[in-house]
């Protein structure tokens, strides 16, 4: 079996599949990854690959969050004036009910 297939095979414990890749990065980027690696795990057991994977996951999560925010903004900006007024009234009603429930 090839090395890449071994790397992408499901491991015990339900870990997700990973794929081996090789990248050429600027020295500055390598230094930053090494710094982040050292800062995240003082025992030195955390790999640079794991740190890079975490960074990419965080970036993707942030991109998805922004996409949802933009979709919500587009939705509310696209409402008619009547719908905006009605939505505001429902919000005010909900807020008043919330405040009554916390007293």
N, C-alpha and C. Protein backbone atom coordinates (compact mmCIF):
# COMPACT_ATOMS: atom_id res chain seq x y z
N UNK A 1 0.86 -1.19 0.00
CA UNK A 1 0.00 0.00 0.00
C UNK A 1 0.89 1.24 0.00
N UNK A 2 0.49 2.27 -0.71
CA UNK A 2 1.33 3.46 -0.81
C UNK A 2 1.28 4.28 0.47
N UNK A 3 2.25 5.14 0.59
CA UNK A 3 2.36 5.97 1.78
C UNK A 3 1.14 6.88 1.95
N UNK A 4 0.66 7.47 0.85
CA UNK A 4 -0.48 8.38 0.96
C UNK A 4 -1.75 7.65 1.37
N UNK A 5 -1.89 6.41 0.92
CA UNK A 5 -3.07 5.64 1.35
C UNK A 5 -2.97 5.32 2.83
N UNK A 6 -1.78 5.01 3.30
CA UNK A 6 -1.61 4.75 4.73
C UNK A 6 -1.97 5.98 5.54
N UNK A 7 -1.55 7.14 5.08
CA UNK A 7 -1.80 8.38 5.80
C UNK A 7 -3.27 8.75 5.80
N UNK A 8 -3.99 8.35 4.76
CA UNK A 8 -5.40 8.75 4.68
C UNK A 8 -6.36 7.70 5.22
N UNK A 9 -5.83 6.57 5.65
CA UNK A 9 -6.71 5.53 6.19
C UNK A 9 -7.25 5.93 7.56
N UNK A 10 -8.48 5.52 7.85
CA UNK A 10 -9.12 5.85 9.12
C UNK A 10 -8.37 5.15 10.25
N UNK A 11 -8.04 5.92 11.28
CA UNK A 11 -7.34 5.36 12.43
C UNK A 11 -8.33 4.97 13.50
N UNK A 12 -7.87 4.21 14.47
CA UNK A 12 -8.73 3.82 15.59
C UNK A 12 -9.18 5.06 16.34
N UNK A 13 -10.32 4.99 16.97
CA UNK A 13 -10.83 6.10 17.75
C UNK A 13 -11.65 7.07 16.93
N UNK A 14 -11.94 6.73 15.67
CA UNK A 14 -12.80 7.57 14.86
C UNK A 14 -12.16 8.84 14.34
N UNK A 15 -10.86 8.92 14.33
CA UNK A 15 -10.21 10.11 13.80
C UNK A 15 -10.51 10.25 12.32
N UNK A 16 -10.51 11.47 11.86
CA UNK A 16 -10.80 11.69 10.46
C UNK A 16 -9.60 11.32 9.60
N UNK A 17 -9.89 11.10 8.34
CA UNK A 17 -8.85 10.73 7.39
C UNK A 17 -7.97 11.94 7.09
N UNK A 18 -6.69 11.70 6.97
CA UNK A 18 -5.75 12.76 6.65
C UNK A 18 -5.00 12.37 5.39
N UNK A 19 -4.51 13.36 4.73
CA UNK A 19 -3.79 13.15 3.49
C UNK A 19 -2.42 13.81 3.60
N UNK A 20 -1.41 13.11 3.17
CA UNK A 20 -0.06 13.64 3.22
C UNK A 20 0.15 14.59 2.04
N UNK A 21 0.65 15.79 2.32
CA UNK A 21 0.96 16.80 1.31
C UNK A 21 2.31 17.40 1.64
N UNK A 22 2.95 17.90 0.63
CA UNK A 22 4.23 18.57 0.82
C UNK A 22 4.09 20.00 0.30
N UNK A 23 4.54 20.97 1.10
CA UNK A 23 4.42 22.36 0.72
C UNK A 23 5.77 23.05 0.86
N UNK A 24 5.96 24.06 0.06
CA UNK A 24 7.13 24.92 0.18
C UNK A 24 6.63 26.25 0.72
N UNK A 25 7.14 26.63 1.88
CA UNK A 25 6.69 27.85 2.54
C UNK A 25 7.87 28.79 2.75
N UNK A 26 7.56 30.06 2.89
CA UNK A 26 8.57 31.06 3.20
C UNK A 26 9.16 30.79 4.58
N UNK A 27 10.40 31.18 4.77
CA UNK A 27 11.06 30.99 6.07
C UNK A 27 10.27 31.64 7.19
N UNK A 28 9.72 32.81 6.89
CA UNK A 28 8.92 33.54 7.88
C UNK A 28 7.70 32.71 8.31
N UNK A 29 7.06 32.04 7.36
CA UNK A 29 5.90 31.21 7.66
C UNK A 29 6.30 30.00 8.49
N UNK A 30 7.42 29.39 8.14
CA UNK A 30 7.93 28.24 8.91
C UNK A 30 8.25 28.67 10.34
N UNK A 31 8.86 29.83 10.49
CA UNK A 31 9.20 30.33 11.83
C UNK A 31 7.93 30.57 12.64
N UNK A 32 6.91 31.14 12.00
CA UNK A 32 5.65 31.38 12.70
C UNK A 32 5.01 30.07 13.12
N UNK A 33 4.98 29.09 12.24
CA UNK A 33 4.41 27.78 12.59
C UNK A 33 5.17 27.15 13.75
N UNK A 34 6.48 27.25 13.73
CA UNK A 34 7.29 26.70 14.83
C UNK A 34 6.99 27.40 16.14
N UNK A 35 6.85 28.74 16.07
CA UNK A 35 6.51 29.52 17.27
C UNK A 35 5.16 29.10 17.82
N UNK A 36 4.18 29.00 16.93
CA UNK A 36 2.83 28.62 17.35
C UNK A 36 2.82 27.21 17.92
N UNK A 37 3.60 26.35 17.33
CA UNK A 37 3.70 24.98 17.81
C UNK A 37 4.25 24.96 19.23
N UNK A 38 5.31 25.71 19.46
CA UNK A 38 5.92 25.76 20.79
C UNK A 38 4.99 26.40 21.81
N UNK A 39 4.26 27.42 21.39
CA UNK A 39 3.36 28.13 22.30
C UNK A 39 2.15 27.28 22.67
N UNK A 40 1.68 26.44 21.78
CA UNK A 40 0.48 25.64 22.03
C UNK A 40 0.74 24.42 22.88
N UNK A 41 1.95 23.94 22.83
CA UNK A 41 2.25 22.73 23.61
C UNK A 41 3.68 22.79 24.10
N UNK A 42 3.85 23.10 25.37
CA UNK A 42 5.19 23.25 25.92
C UNK A 42 5.96 21.93 25.97
N UNK A 43 5.27 20.80 25.89
CA UNK A 43 5.96 19.51 25.94
C UNK A 43 6.62 19.17 24.60
N UNK A 44 6.27 19.92 23.54
CA UNK A 44 6.89 19.68 22.24
C UNK A 44 6.29 18.51 21.48
N UNK A 45 5.19 17.95 21.96
CA UNK A 45 4.58 16.80 21.30
C UNK A 45 3.67 17.20 20.15
N UNK A 46 3.30 18.43 20.07
CA UNK A 46 2.36 18.89 19.05
C UNK A 46 3.13 19.19 17.76
N UNK A 47 2.69 18.62 16.67
CA UNK A 47 3.41 18.76 15.41
C UNK A 47 3.07 20.07 14.72
N UNK A 48 3.97 20.51 13.86
CA UNK A 48 3.74 21.69 13.05
C UNK A 48 2.54 21.44 12.13
N UNK A 49 2.40 20.23 11.63
CA UNK A 49 1.26 19.89 10.78
C UNK A 49 -0.05 20.08 11.53
N UNK A 50 -0.09 19.69 12.79
CA UNK A 50 -1.31 19.84 13.58
C UNK A 50 -1.64 21.31 13.80
N UNK A 51 -0.62 22.12 14.01
CA UNK A 51 -0.83 23.56 14.19
C UNK A 51 -1.35 24.18 12.89
N UNK A 52 -0.75 23.81 11.78
CA UNK A 52 -1.20 24.32 10.48
C UNK A 52 -2.64 23.87 10.21
N UNK A 53 -2.96 22.63 10.52
CA UNK A 53 -4.31 22.12 10.34
C UNK A 53 -5.30 22.91 11.19
N UNK A 54 -4.94 23.20 12.44
CA UNK A 54 -5.80 24.00 13.32
C UNK A 54 -6.02 25.41 12.76
N UNK A 55 -4.95 26.01 12.25
CA UNK A 55 -5.07 27.35 11.66
C UNK A 55 -6.04 27.35 10.48
N UNK A 56 -5.91 26.35 9.63
CA UNK A 56 -6.78 26.27 8.46
C UNK A 56 -8.23 26.01 8.85
N UNK A 57 -8.43 25.16 9.87
CA UNK A 57 -9.79 24.91 10.35
C UNK A 57 -10.40 26.18 10.94
N UNK A 58 -9.61 26.93 11.69
CA UNK A 58 -10.09 28.18 12.27
C UNK A 58 -10.46 29.18 11.18
N UNK A 59 -9.62 29.26 10.17
CA UNK A 59 -9.89 30.16 9.05
C UNK A 59 -11.18 29.76 8.35
N UNK A 60 -11.36 28.48 8.12
CA UNK A 60 -12.57 28.00 7.46
C UNK A 60 -13.82 28.26 8.31
N UNK A 61 -13.71 28.04 9.60
CA UNK A 61 -14.83 28.30 10.50
C UNK A 61 -15.22 29.78 10.47
N UNK A 62 -14.21 30.65 10.47
CA UNK A 62 -14.46 32.09 10.42
C UNK A 62 -15.09 32.48 9.09
N UNK A 63 -14.64 31.91 8.00
CA UNK A 63 -15.23 32.19 6.68
C UNK A 63 -16.69 31.78 6.64
N UNK A 64 -17.01 30.62 7.21
CA UNK A 64 -18.40 30.16 7.24
C UNK A 64 -19.26 31.06 8.11
N UNK A 65 -18.72 31.50 9.25
CA UNK A 65 -19.46 32.40 10.14
C UNK A 65 -19.77 33.71 9.43
N UNK A 66 -18.78 34.25 8.72
CA UNK A 66 -19.00 35.50 7.98
C UNK A 66 -20.03 35.32 6.87
N UNK A 67 -20.00 34.16 6.22
CA UNK A 67 -20.98 33.90 5.15
C UNK A 67 -22.39 33.87 5.71
N UNK A 68 -22.57 33.28 6.89
CA UNK A 68 -23.89 33.25 7.53
C UNK A 68 -24.31 34.66 7.92
N UNK A 69 -23.38 35.43 8.49
CA UNK A 69 -23.70 36.81 8.86
C UNK A 69 -24.13 37.63 7.64
N UNK A 70 -23.42 37.45 6.53
CA UNK A 70 -23.76 38.18 5.31
C UNK A 70 -25.13 37.75 4.78
N UNK A 71 -25.43 36.46 4.86
CA UNK A 71 -26.73 35.97 4.40
C UNK A 71 -27.85 36.55 5.25
N UNK A 72 -27.64 36.61 6.56
CA UNK A 72 -28.65 37.17 7.47
C UNK A 72 -28.84 38.65 7.16
N UNK A 73 -27.74 39.37 6.96
CA UNK A 73 -27.82 40.79 6.64
C UNK A 73 -28.57 41.01 5.33
N UNK A 74 -28.25 40.21 4.31
CA UNK A 74 -28.95 40.33 3.03
C UNK A 74 -30.44 40.06 3.20
N UNK A 75 -30.77 39.06 4.02
CA UNK A 75 -32.18 38.72 4.25
C UNK A 75 -32.92 39.91 4.86
N UNK A 76 -32.37 40.43 5.95
CA UNK A 76 -33.07 41.53 6.63
C UNK A 76 -33.07 42.81 5.82
N UNK A 77 -32.01 43.07 5.07
CA UNK A 77 -31.98 44.25 4.21
C UNK A 77 -32.97 44.13 3.06
N UNK A 78 -33.31 42.91 2.69
CA UNK A 78 -34.24 42.68 1.59
C UNK A 78 -35.69 42.69 2.00
N UNK A 79 -35.98 42.79 3.28
CA UNK A 79 -37.37 42.80 3.74
C UNK A 79 -38.05 44.10 3.36
N UNK A 80 -39.33 44.01 3.11
CA UNK A 80 -40.11 45.22 2.85
C UNK A 80 -40.17 46.06 4.12
N UNK A 81 -40.53 47.32 3.95
CA UNK A 81 -40.62 48.21 5.12
C UNK A 81 -41.64 47.68 6.13
N UNK A 82 -42.77 47.17 5.62
CA UNK A 82 -43.81 46.60 6.49
C UNK A 82 -43.25 45.42 7.29
N UNK A 83 -42.52 44.53 6.61
CA UNK A 83 -41.95 43.36 7.28
C UNK A 83 -40.90 43.78 8.31
N UNK A 84 -40.14 44.83 8.01
CA UNK A 84 -39.13 45.31 8.96
C UNK A 84 -39.79 45.85 10.23
N UNK A 85 -40.88 46.60 10.05
CA UNK A 85 -41.61 47.14 11.20
C UNK A 85 -42.20 46.00 12.02
N UNK A 86 -42.79 45.03 11.34
CA UNK A 86 -43.38 43.88 12.05
C UNK A 86 -42.30 43.10 12.80
N UNK A 87 -41.16 42.91 12.17
CA UNK A 87 -40.06 42.19 12.80
C UNK A 87 -39.55 42.95 14.03
N UNK A 88 -39.47 44.27 13.92
CA UNK A 88 -39.04 45.08 15.06
C UNK A 88 -40.03 44.97 16.21
N UNK A 89 -41.32 44.98 15.89
CA UNK A 89 -42.35 44.87 16.93
C UNK A 89 -42.26 43.52 17.64
N UNK A 90 -42.05 42.45 16.87
CA UNK A 90 -41.89 41.14 17.48
C UNK A 90 -40.65 41.10 18.37
N UNK A 91 -39.59 41.74 17.94
CA UNK A 91 -38.38 41.80 18.75
C UNK A 91 -38.60 42.53 20.06
N UNK A 92 -39.29 43.64 19.99
CA UNK A 92 -39.60 44.42 21.20
C UNK A 92 -40.50 43.63 22.14
N UNK A 93 -41.49 42.93 21.57
CA UNK A 93 -42.38 42.10 22.38
C UNK A 93 -41.58 40.99 23.08
N UNK A 94 -40.70 40.33 22.31
CA UNK A 94 -39.88 39.24 22.88
C UNK A 94 -38.98 39.76 23.99
N UNK A 95 -38.39 40.92 23.77
CA UNK A 95 -37.50 41.51 24.77
C UNK A 95 -38.28 41.83 26.05
N UNK A 96 -39.48 42.38 25.90
CA UNK A 96 -40.31 42.70 27.07
C UNK A 96 -40.67 41.42 27.83
N UNK A 97 -41.01 40.35 27.10
CA UNK A 97 -41.33 39.08 27.74
C UNK A 97 -40.12 38.51 28.46
N UNK A 98 -38.97 38.64 27.85
CA UNK A 98 -37.73 38.16 28.48
C UNK A 98 -37.47 38.90 29.78
N UNK A 99 -37.62 40.23 29.74
CA UNK A 99 -37.39 41.03 30.93
C UNK A 99 -38.38 40.70 32.03
N UNK A 100 -39.64 40.44 31.66
CA UNK A 100 -40.65 40.05 32.65
C UNK A 100 -40.29 38.71 33.29
N UNK A 101 -39.71 37.81 32.52
CA UNK A 101 -39.36 36.49 33.03
C UNK A 101 -38.14 36.48 33.92
N UNK A 102 -37.29 37.53 33.85
CA UNK A 102 -36.07 37.55 34.67
C UNK A 102 -36.27 38.31 35.96
N UNK A 103 -37.43 38.93 36.13
CA UNK A 103 -37.67 39.73 37.34
C UNK A 103 -37.96 38.87 38.53
